[in-house]
Amino acid sequence: MFRAAALALCLLPALALADDAAIRRALEPKLNGVKIDGIQPAPLPGLFEVRFKSAEGVRVVYTDANGNYVIQGNIFELSSGRDLTEERVRKLSAIKFESLPLAQAVKVQRGNGKRVLAMFSDPYCPACKQFEQTLQQLDDVTIYVFMYPVIRPELAEQSKAVWCAPDRSAAWLDLALHGKRNAGNPTCESPVDKNLALGRGLGVNSTPTLFFANGERMAGGLAVADLKGLLDEIATAQPAAKR
């Protein structure tokens, strides 16, 4: 009996490797030749999470133990309303928040600023404008805006003019919320070109892209209640986050 139990324990790693290898053999050719970065059990019994990098960043799909089937989509936990797939992708895409060159961002602070968020935003992005309206409903927040004018690059000078304005925060909100241009031409050295290079290096290919104080990222905006809840949760877990 003990001998059989010991043998079973020894076989477990081998079986796991065999499943891993079978999934890689089956899926990598079907995923346009991408390299699978990792495989692990999914939240649902019998499913495996398969993660890999694409032009859109980290991606997660699900498969069976032998890679015969692929499921593309998100797993939601109905009891809590959590999007488990989205949470997982955020963690897999995380960076060190302190590695962001915050000196290149427009700093917008309201209240005590204890909740921290960095954002790559384009003033001519409709989704960014809508999200700016959501951000107006937040208090006690510090938002670092990396101006990222990719939709209409010929108007990048307007973002540069924001940087040269006496009040960068107000100038950004005038442009992003109301489309109000700052008078005159930029007369100082701005970090907009550096932000474009930074965003490309981080794989920012849509706006808005958010980076939270724990380093997790999210492409797209959030409803105000969801954003408040997430910022509060992260601020509680990381009370020493830099502002």
C-alpha atoms as a PDB file:
ATOM      1  CA  MET A   1       0.000   0.000   0.000  1.00  0.00           C
ATOM      2  CA  PHE A   2       2.739   2.470   0.972  1.00  0.00           C
ATOM      3  CA  ARG A   3       4.778   1.404  -2.031  1.00  0.00           C
ATOM      4  CA  ALA A   4       1.806   2.130  -4.342  1.00  0.00           C
ATOM      5  CA  ALA A   5       1.212   5.523  -2.735  1.00  0.00           C
ATOM      6  CA  ALA A   6       4.863   6.479  -3.143  1.00  0.00           C
ATOM      7  CA  LEU A   7       4.774   5.393  -6.781  1.00  0.00           C
ATOM      8  CA  ALA A   8       1.667   7.508  -7.405  1.00  0.00           C
ATOM      9  CA  LEU A   9       3.339  10.559  -5.881  1.00  0.00           C
ATOM     10  CA  CYS A  10       6.362  10.059  -8.091  1.00  0.00           C
ATOM     11  CA  LEU A  11       4.171   9.814 -11.174  1.00  0.00           C
ATOM     12  CA  LEU A  12       2.244  13.044 -10.558  1.00  0.00           C
ATOM     13  CA  PRO A  13       4.952  15.439 -11.879  1.00  0.00           C
ATOM     14  CA  ALA A  14       5.463  13.224 -14.930  1.00  0.00           C
ATOM     15  CA  LEU A  15       1.747  13.212 -15.680  1.00  0.00           C
ATOM     16  CA  ALA A  16       1.610  16.994 -15.340  1.00  0.00           C
ATOM     17  CA  LEU A  17       4.521  17.368 -17.739  1.00  0.00           C
ATOM     18  CA  ALA A  18       2.886  14.981 -20.190  1.00  0.00           C
ATOM     19  CA  ASP A  19      -0.294  17.109 -20.197  1.00  0.00           C
ATOM     20  CA  ASP A  20       1.792  20.260 -20.605  1.00  0.00           C
ATOM     21  CA  ALA A  21       3.680  18.827 -23.546  1.00  0.00           C
ATOM     22  CA  ALA A  22       0.512  17.519 -25.205  1.00  0.00           C
ATOM     23  CA  ILE A  23      -1.171  20.904 -24.918  1.00  0.00           C
ATOM     24  CA  ARG A  24       1.837  22.700 -26.379  1.00  0.00           C
ATOM     25  CA  ARG A  25       2.057  20.275 -29.303  1.00  0.00           C
ATOM     26  CA  ALA A  26      -1.641  20.610 -30.036  1.00  0.00           C
ATOM     27  CA  LEU A  27      -2.120  24.344 -29.546  1.00  0.00           C
ATOM     28  CA  GLU A  28       1.018  26.191 -30.633  1.00  0.00           C
ATOM     29  CA  PRO A  29       0.550  25.407 -34.362  1.00  0.00           C
ATOM     30  CA  LYS A  30      -3.109  26.483 -34.090  1.00  0.00           C
ATOM     31  CA  LEU A  31      -2.249  29.776 -32.374  1.00  0.00           C
ATOM     32  CA  ASN A  32      -0.302  31.147 -35.339  1.00  0.00           C
ATOM     33  CA  GLY A  33       2.922  29.627 -34.045  1.00  0.00           C
ATOM     34  CA  VAL A  34       3.046  31.628 -30.795  1.00  0.00           C
ATOM     35  CA  LYS A  35       5.139  30.330 -27.929  1.00  0.00           C
ATOM     36  CA  ILE A  36       3.005  29.276 -24.976  1.00  0.00           C
ATOM     37  CA  ASP A  37       4.438  30.908 -21.862  1.00  0.00           C
ATOM     38  CA  GLY A  38       2.647  28.800 -19.280  1.00  0.00           C
ATOM     39  CA  ILE A  39      -0.091  26.294 -18.557  1.00  0.00           C
ATOM     40  CA  GLN A  40      -1.878  25.764 -15.268  1.00  0.00           C
ATOM     41  CA  PRO A  41      -5.257  24.567 -13.985  1.00  0.00           C
ATOM     42  CA  ALA A  42      -8.087  27.021 -14.660  1.00  0.00           C
ATOM     43  CA  PRO A  43     -10.693  28.039 -12.058  1.00  0.00           C
ATOM     44  CA  LEU A  44     -13.056  25.392 -13.470  1.00  0.00           C
ATOM     45  CA  PRO A  45     -12.180  21.699 -12.900  1.00  0.00           C
ATOM     46  CA  GLY A  46     -11.052  19.985 -16.075  1.00  0.00           C
ATOM     47  CA  LEU A  47      -9.948  23.180 -17.808  1.00  0.00           C
ATOM     48  CA  PHE A  48      -6.406  24.451 -18.191  1.00  0.00           C
ATOM     49  CA  GLU A  49      -5.321  28.065 -18.548  1.00  0.00           C
ATOM     50  CA  VAL A  50      -2.968  28.648 -21.484  1.00  0.00           C
ATOM     51  CA  ARG A  51      -1.165  31.991 -21.552  1.00  0.00           C
ATOM     52  CA  PHE A  52       0.893  33.551 -24.324  1.00  0.00           C
ATOM     53  CA  LYS A  53       1.897  36.949 -25.696  1.00  0.00           C
ATOM     54  CA  SER A  54       0.400  38.468 -28.826  1.00  0.00           C
ATOM     55  CA  ALA A  55       0.504  41.872 -30.499  1.00  0.00           C
ATOM     56  CA  GLU A  56      -2.333  42.838 -28.136  1.00  0.00           C
ATOM     57  CA  GLY A  57      -0.321  41.836 -25.058  1.00  0.00           C
ATOM     58  CA  VAL A  58      -0.774  38.891 -22.705  1.00  0.00           C
ATOM     59  CA  ARG A  59      -3.641  36.606 -23.681  1.00  0.00           C
ATOM     60  CA  VAL A  60      -5.342  33.705 -21.918  1.00  0.00           C
ATOM     61  CA  VAL A  61      -7.365  30.888 -23.470  1.00  0.00           C
ATOM     62  CA  TYR A  62      -8.622  27.639 -21.983  1.00  0.00           C
ATOM     63  CA  THR A  63      -8.291  24.048 -23.084  1.00  0.00           C
ATOM     64  CA  ASP A  64      -8.827  20.473 -21.947  1.00  0.00           C
ATOM     65  CA  ALA A  65      -6.055  18.237 -20.614  1.00  0.00           C
ATOM     66  CA  ASN A  66      -4.943  17.123 -24.075  1.00  0.00           C
ATOM     67  CA  GLY A  67      -5.427  20.301 -26.067  1.00  0.00           C
ATOM     68  CA  ASN A  68      -8.277  18.935 -28.157  1.00  0.00           C
ATOM     69  CA  TYR A  69     -10.498  21.975 -27.580  1.00  0.00           C
ATOM     70  CA  VAL A  70      -9.904  25.688 -27.097  1.00  0.00           C
ATOM     71  CA  ILE A  71     -12.254  28.098 -25.343  1.00  0.00           C
ATOM     72  CA  GLN A  72     -11.814  31.814 -26.002  1.00  0.00           C
ATOM     73  CA  GLY A  73     -13.655  34.044 -23.577  1.00  0.00           C
ATOM     74  CA  ASN A  74     -13.838  35.142 -19.975  1.00  0.00           C
ATOM     75  CA  ILE A  75     -14.779  33.121 -16.915  1.00  0.00           C
ATOM     76  CA  PHE A  76     -17.113  34.977 -14.544  1.00  0.00           C
ATOM     77  CA  GLU A  77     -17.763  33.981 -10.946  1.00  0.00           C
ATOM     78  CA  LEU A  78     -21.483  34.630 -10.657  1.00  0.00           C
ATOM     79  CA  SER A  79     -21.632  34.645  -6.864  1.00  0.00           C
ATOM     80  CA  SER A  80     -19.257  37.619  -6.663  1.00  0.00           C
ATOM     81  CA  GLY A  81     -19.629  39.091 -10.156  1.00  0.00           C
ATOM     82  CA  ARG A  82     -15.857  38.863 -10.635  1.00  0.00           C
ATOM     83  CA  ASP A  83     -14.341  38.501 -14.080  1.00  0.00           C
ATOM     84  CA  LEU A  84     -11.681  35.925 -13.208  1.00  0.00           C
ATOM     85  CA  THR A  85     -10.067  36.000 -16.636  1.00  0.00           C
ATOM     86  CA  GLU A  86      -9.720  39.777 -16.663  1.00  0.00           C
ATOM     87  CA  GLU A  87      -8.227  39.699 -13.158  1.00  0.00           C
ATOM     88  CA  ARG A  88      -5.741  37.050 -14.248  1.00  0.00           C
ATOM     89  CA  VAL A  89      -4.661  39.006 -17.343  1.00  0.00           C
ATOM     90  CA  ARG A  90      -4.155  42.107 -15.187  1.00  0.00           C
ATOM     91  CA  LYS A  91      -1.801  40.195 -12.927  1.00  0.00           C
ATOM     92  CA  LEU A  92       0.086  38.590 -15.814  1.00  0.00           C
ATOM     93  CA  SER A  93       0.532  42.002 -17.467  1.00  0.00           C
ATOM     94  CA  ALA A  94       1.675  43.780 -14.303  1.00  0.00           C
ATOM     95  CA  ILE A  95       4.767  45.959 -14.205  1.00  0.00           C
ATOM     96  CA  LYS A  96       6.575  47.702 -11.355  1.00  0.00           C
ATOM     97  CA  PHE A  97       4.608  50.920 -10.914  1.00  0.00           C
ATOM     98  CA  GLU A  98       7.686  52.684  -9.588  1.00  0.00           C
ATOM     99  CA  SER A  99       9.420  51.973 -12.906  1.00  0.00           C
ATOM    100  CA  LEU A 100       7.100  54.403 -14.688  1.00  0.00           C
ATOM    101  CA  PRO A 101       8.809  57.775 -15.311  1.00  0.00           C
ATOM    102  CA  LEU A 102       6.106  59.775 -13.551  1.00  0.00           C
ATOM    103  CA  ALA A 103       7.988  63.011 -14.167  1.00  0.00           C
ATOM    104  CA  GLN A 104       6.872  62.657 -17.819  1.00  0.00           C
ATOM    105  CA  ALA A 105       3.189  62.657 -16.856  1.00  0.00           C
ATOM    106  CA  VAL A 106       0.707  65.431 -16.178  1.00  0.00           C
ATOM    107  CA  LYS A 107      -0.240  65.115 -12.501  1.00  0.00           C
ATOM    108  CA  VAL A 108      -3.901  65.618 -11.675  1.00  0.00           C
ATOM    109  CA  GLN A 109      -4.672  65.471  -7.962  1.00  0.00           C
ATOM    110  CA  ARG A 110      -7.945  65.830  -6.106  1.00  0.00           C
ATOM    111  CA  GLY A 111      -8.454  65.662  -2.356  1.00  0.00           C
ATOM    112  CA  ASN A 112      -5.699  63.878  -0.452  1.00  0.00           C
ATOM    113  CA  GLY A 113      -4.571  61.976  -3.555  1.00  0.00           C
ATOM    114  CA  LYS A 114      -4.182  58.701  -1.666  1.00  0.00           C
ATOM    115  CA  ARG A 115      -5.555  56.547  -4.502  1.00  0.00           C
ATOM    116  CA  VAL A 116      -3.081  56.394  -7.375  1.00  0.00           C
ATOM    117  CA  LEU A 117      -3.570  55.708 -11.059  1.00  0.00           C
ATOM    118  CA  ALA A 118      -1.423  56.159 -14.173  1.00  0.00           C
ATOM    119  CA  MET A 119      -3.076  56.479 -17.555  1.00  0.00           C
ATOM    120  CA  PHE A 120      -1.982  56.593 -21.176  1.00  0.00           C
ATOM    121  CA  SER A 121      -4.563  58.826 -22.818  1.00  0.00           C
ATOM    122  CA  ASP A 122      -5.150  60.465 -26.177  1.00  0.00           C
ATOM    123  CA  PRO A 123      -7.123  63.732 -26.179  1.00  0.00           C
ATOM    124  CA  TYR A 124      -8.766  62.716 -29.466  1.00  0.00           C
ATOM    125  CA  CYS A 125      -9.878  59.285 -28.272  1.00  0.00           C
ATOM    126  CA  PRO A 126     -13.684  59.162 -27.680  1.00  0.00           C
ATOM    127  CA  ALA A 127     -13.295  56.437 -25.037  1.00  0.00           C
ATOM    128  CA  CYS A 128     -10.684  58.564 -23.250  1.00  0.00           C
ATOM    129  CA  LYS A 129     -13.007  61.560 -23.200  1.00  0.00           C
ATOM    130  CA  GLN A 130     -15.789  59.422 -21.760  1.00  0.00           C
ATOM    131  CA  PHE A 131     -13.440  58.007 -19.126  1.00  0.00           C
ATOM    132  CA  GLU A 132     -12.286  61.511 -18.181  1.00  0.00           C
ATOM    133  CA  GLN A 133     -15.900  62.226 -17.296  1.00  0.00           C
ATOM    134  CA  THR A 134     -15.852  59.168 -15.041  1.00  0.00           C
ATOM    135  CA  LEU A 135     -12.651  60.354 -13.392  1.00  0.00           C
ATOM    136  CA  GLN A 136     -14.334  63.658 -12.532  1.00  0.00           C
ATOM    137  CA  GLN A 137     -16.526  61.711 -10.115  1.00  0.00           C
ATOM    138  CA  LEU A 138     -13.525  60.536  -8.071  1.00  0.00           C
ATOM    139  CA  ASP A 139     -12.073  62.328  -5.082  1.00  0.00           C
ATOM    140  CA  ASP A 140      -8.910  61.635  -3.086  1.00  0.00           C
ATOM    141  CA  VAL A 141      -7.086  60.464  -6.200  1.00  0.00           C
ATOM    142  CA  THR A 142      -3.814  61.183  -7.981  1.00  0.00           C
ATOM    143  CA  ILE A 143      -3.838  60.538 -11.722  1.00  0.00           C
ATOM    144  CA  TYR A 144      -0.617  60.554 -13.731  1.00  0.00           C
ATOM    145  CA  VAL A 145      -1.567  61.215 -17.350  1.00  0.00           C
ATOM    146  CA  PHE A 146       0.938  60.101 -19.964  1.00  0.00           C
ATOM    147  CA  MET A 147      -0.202  62.064 -23.001  1.00  0.00           C
ATOM    148  CA  TYR A 148      -0.245  59.578 -25.863  1.00  0.00           C
ATOM    149  CA  PRO A 149      -1.444  61.273 -29.073  1.00  0.00           C
ATOM    150  CA  VAL A 150      -1.615  58.345 -31.485  1.00  0.00           C
ATOM    151  CA  ILE A 151      -5.045  58.757 -33.089  1.00  0.00           C
ATOM    152  CA  ARG A 152      -4.270  62.111 -34.710  1.00  0.00           C
ATOM    153  CA  PRO A 153      -0.477  62.400 -34.504  1.00  0.00           C
ATOM    154  CA  GLU A 154      -0.578  65.545 -36.637  1.00  0.00           C
ATOM    155  CA  LEU A 155      -2.157  67.265 -33.617  1.00  0.00           C
ATOM    156  CA  ALA A 156       0.512  66.171 -31.144  1.00  0.00           C
ATOM    157  CA  GLU A 157       1.544  69.825 -30.801  1.00  0.00           C
ATOM    158  CA  GLN A 158      -1.635  70.406 -28.803  1.00  0.00           C
ATOM    159  CA  SER A 159      -0.532  67.836 -26.219  1.00  0.00           C
ATOM    160  CA  LYS A 160       2.885  69.452 -26.152  1.00  0.00           C
ATOM    161  CA  ALA A 161       1.211  72.813 -25.514  1.00  0.00           C
ATOM    162  CA  VAL A 162      -0.492  71.288 -22.450  1.00  0.00           C
ATOM    163  CA  TRP A 163       2.938  70.522 -21.024  1.00  0.00           C
ATOM    164  CA  CYS A 164       4.076  74.096 -21.576  1.00  0.00           C
ATOM    165  CA  ALA A 165       0.969  75.623 -19.981  1.00  0.00           C
ATOM    166  CA  PRO A 166       1.307  77.338 -16.572  1.00  0.00           C
ATOM    167  CA  ASP A 167      -1.222  74.874 -15.106  1.00  0.00           C
ATOM    168  CA  ARG A 168      -0.719  71.523 -16.835  1.00  0.00           C
ATOM    169  CA  SER A 169      -3.528  69.802 -14.986  1.00  0.00           C
ATOM    170  CA  ALA A 170      -6.102  72.421 -15.977  1.00  0.00           C
ATOM    171  CA  ALA A 171      -4.775  72.578 -19.530  1.00  0.00           C
ATOM    172  CA  TRP A 172      -5.057  68.801 -19.908  1.00  0.00           C
ATOM    173  CA  LEU A 173      -8.634  68.748 -18.640  1.00  0.00           C
ATOM    174  CA  ASP A 174      -9.562  71.629 -20.967  1.00  0.00           C
ATOM    175  CA  LEU A 175      -8.229  69.658 -23.936  1.00  0.00           C
ATOM    176  CA  ALA A 176      -9.311  66.140 -22.951  1.00  0.00           C
ATOM    177  CA  LEU A 177     -12.763  67.005 -21.601  1.00  0.00           C
ATOM    178  CA  HIS A 178     -13.792  70.009 -23.645  1.00  0.00           C
ATOM    179  CA  GLY A 179     -11.542  69.974 -26.703  1.00  0.00           C
ATOM    180  CA  LYS A 180     -10.301  73.430 -25.731  1.00  0.00           C
ATOM    181  CA  ARG A 181      -6.868  74.087 -27.198  1.00  0.00           C
ATOM    182  CA  ASN A 182      -4.235  76.029 -25.318  1.00  0.00           C
ATOM    183  CA  ALA A 183      -3.397  79.311 -26.958  1.00  0.00           C
ATOM    184  CA  GLY A 184      -0.076  79.635 -28.699  1.00  0.00           C
ATOM    185  CA  ASN A 185       2.557  77.129 -29.673  1.00  0.00           C
ATOM    186  CA  PRO A 186       4.557  74.957 -27.265  1.00  0.00           C
ATOM    187  CA  THR A 187       7.630  76.866 -26.191  1.00  0.00           C
ATOM    188  CA  CYS A 188       9.257  74.328 -23.885  1.00  0.00           C
ATOM    189  CA  GLU A 189      10.663  70.837 -24.178  1.00  0.00           C
ATOM    190  CA  SER A 190       7.877  68.314 -23.645  1.00  0.00           C
ATOM    191  CA  PRO A 191       8.005  64.550 -22.930  1.00  0.00           C
ATOM    192  CA  VAL A 192       5.302  63.632 -25.477  1.00  0.00           C
ATOM    193  CA  ASP A 193       7.745  61.906 -27.835  1.00  0.00           C
ATOM    194  CA  LYS A 194       9.244  60.033 -24.896  1.00  0.00           C
ATOM    195  CA  ASN A 195       5.747  58.954 -23.859  1.00  0.00           C
ATOM    196  CA  LEU A 196       5.114  57.563 -27.327  1.00  0.00           C
ATOM    197  CA  ALA A 197       8.296  55.502 -27.105  1.00  0.00           C
ATOM    198  CA  LEU A 198       7.451  54.441 -23.548  1.00  0.00           C
ATOM    199  CA  GLY A 199       3.973  53.319 -24.548  1.00  0.00           C
ATOM    200  CA  ARG A 200       5.264  51.300 -27.466  1.00  0.00           C
ATOM    201  CA  GLY A 201       7.803  49.634 -25.180  1.00  0.00           C
ATOM    202  CA  LEU A 202       5.043  48.721 -22.716  1.00  0.00           C
ATOM    203  CA  GLY A 203       2.782  47.388 -25.455  1.00  0.00           C
ATOM    204  CA  VAL A 204       0.188  50.120 -25.039  1.00  0.00           C
ATOM    205  CA  ASN A 205      -1.881  49.737 -28.203  1.00  0.00           C
ATOM    206  CA  SER A 206      -5.202  51.212 -27.116  1.00  0.00           C
ATOM    207  CA  THR A 207      -6.345  54.198 -25.100  1.00  0.00           C
ATOM    208  CA  PRO A 208      -7.079  54.654 -22.348  1.00  0.00           C
ATOM    209  CA  THR A 209      -4.677  52.132 -20.830  1.00  0.00           C
ATOM    210  CA  LEU A 210      -4.544  52.212 -17.047  1.00  0.00           C
ATOM    211  CA  PHE A 211      -1.762  51.206 -14.653  1.00  0.00           C
ATOM    212  CA  PHE A 212      -2.697  50.802 -11.002  1.00  0.00           C
ATOM    213  CA  ALA A 213      -0.428  51.277  -7.990  1.00  0.00           C
ATOM    214  CA  ASN A 214       0.174  47.520  -7.752  1.00  0.00           C
ATOM    215  CA  GLY A 215       1.462  47.508 -11.328  1.00  0.00           C
ATOM    216  CA  GLU A 216      -1.579  45.825 -12.864  1.00  0.00           C
ATOM    217  CA  ARG A 217      -2.811  47.196 -16.152  1.00  0.00           C
ATOM    218  CA  MET A 218      -6.172  47.443 -17.839  1.00  0.00           C
ATOM    219  CA  ALA A 219      -7.048  48.473 -21.363  1.00  0.00           C
ATOM    220  CA  GLY A 220     -10.194  50.590 -21.455  1.00  0.00           C
ATOM    221  CA  GLY A 221     -12.142  52.440 -18.814  1.00  0.00           C
ATOM    222  CA  LEU A 222     -14.319  51.324 -15.927  1.00  0.00           C
ATOM    223  CA  ALA A 223     -17.625  52.366 -14.465  1.00  0.00           C
ATOM    224  CA  VAL A 224     -17.124  54.739 -11.549  1.00  0.00           C
ATOM    225  CA  ALA A 225     -18.323  52.269  -8.879  1.00  0.00           C
ATOM    226  CA  ASP A 226     -15.999  49.539 -10.176  1.00  0.00           C
ATOM    227  CA  LEU A 227     -13.090  51.959 -10.421  1.00  0.00           C
ATOM    228  CA  LYS A 228     -13.613  53.242  -6.862  1.00  0.00           C
ATOM    229  CA  GLY A 229     -13.778  49.701  -5.527  1.00  0.00           C
ATOM    230  CA  LEU A 230     -10.612  48.644  -7.315  1.00  0.00           C
ATOM    231  CA  LEU A 231      -8.648  51.750  -6.296  1.00  0.00           C
ATOM    232  CA  ASP A 232      -9.734  51.341  -2.661  1.00  0.00           C
ATOM    233  CA  GLU A 233      -8.762  47.675  -2.661  1.00  0.00           C
ATOM    234  CA  ILE A 234      -5.309  48.406  -4.074  1.00  0.00           C
ATOM    235  CA  ALA A 235      -4.733  51.419  -1.801  1.00  0.00           C
ATOM    236  CA  THR A 236      -5.570  49.278   1.236  1.00  0.00           C
ATOM    237  CA  ALA A 237      -3.242  46.499   0.115  1.00  0.00           C
ATOM    238  CA  GLN A 238      -0.442  48.946  -0.723  1.00  0.00           C
ATOM    239  CA  PRO A 239      -0.610  51.802   1.775  1.00  0.00           C
ATOM    240  CA  ALA A 240       2.939  52.875   0.937  1.00  0.00           C
ATOM    241  CA  ALA A 241       2.306  53.353  -2.784  1.00  0.00           C
ATOM    242  CA  LYS A 242       4.214  56.388  -4.021  1.00  0.00           C
ATOM    243  CA  ARG A 243       2.279  59.492  -4.939  1.00  0.00           C
END
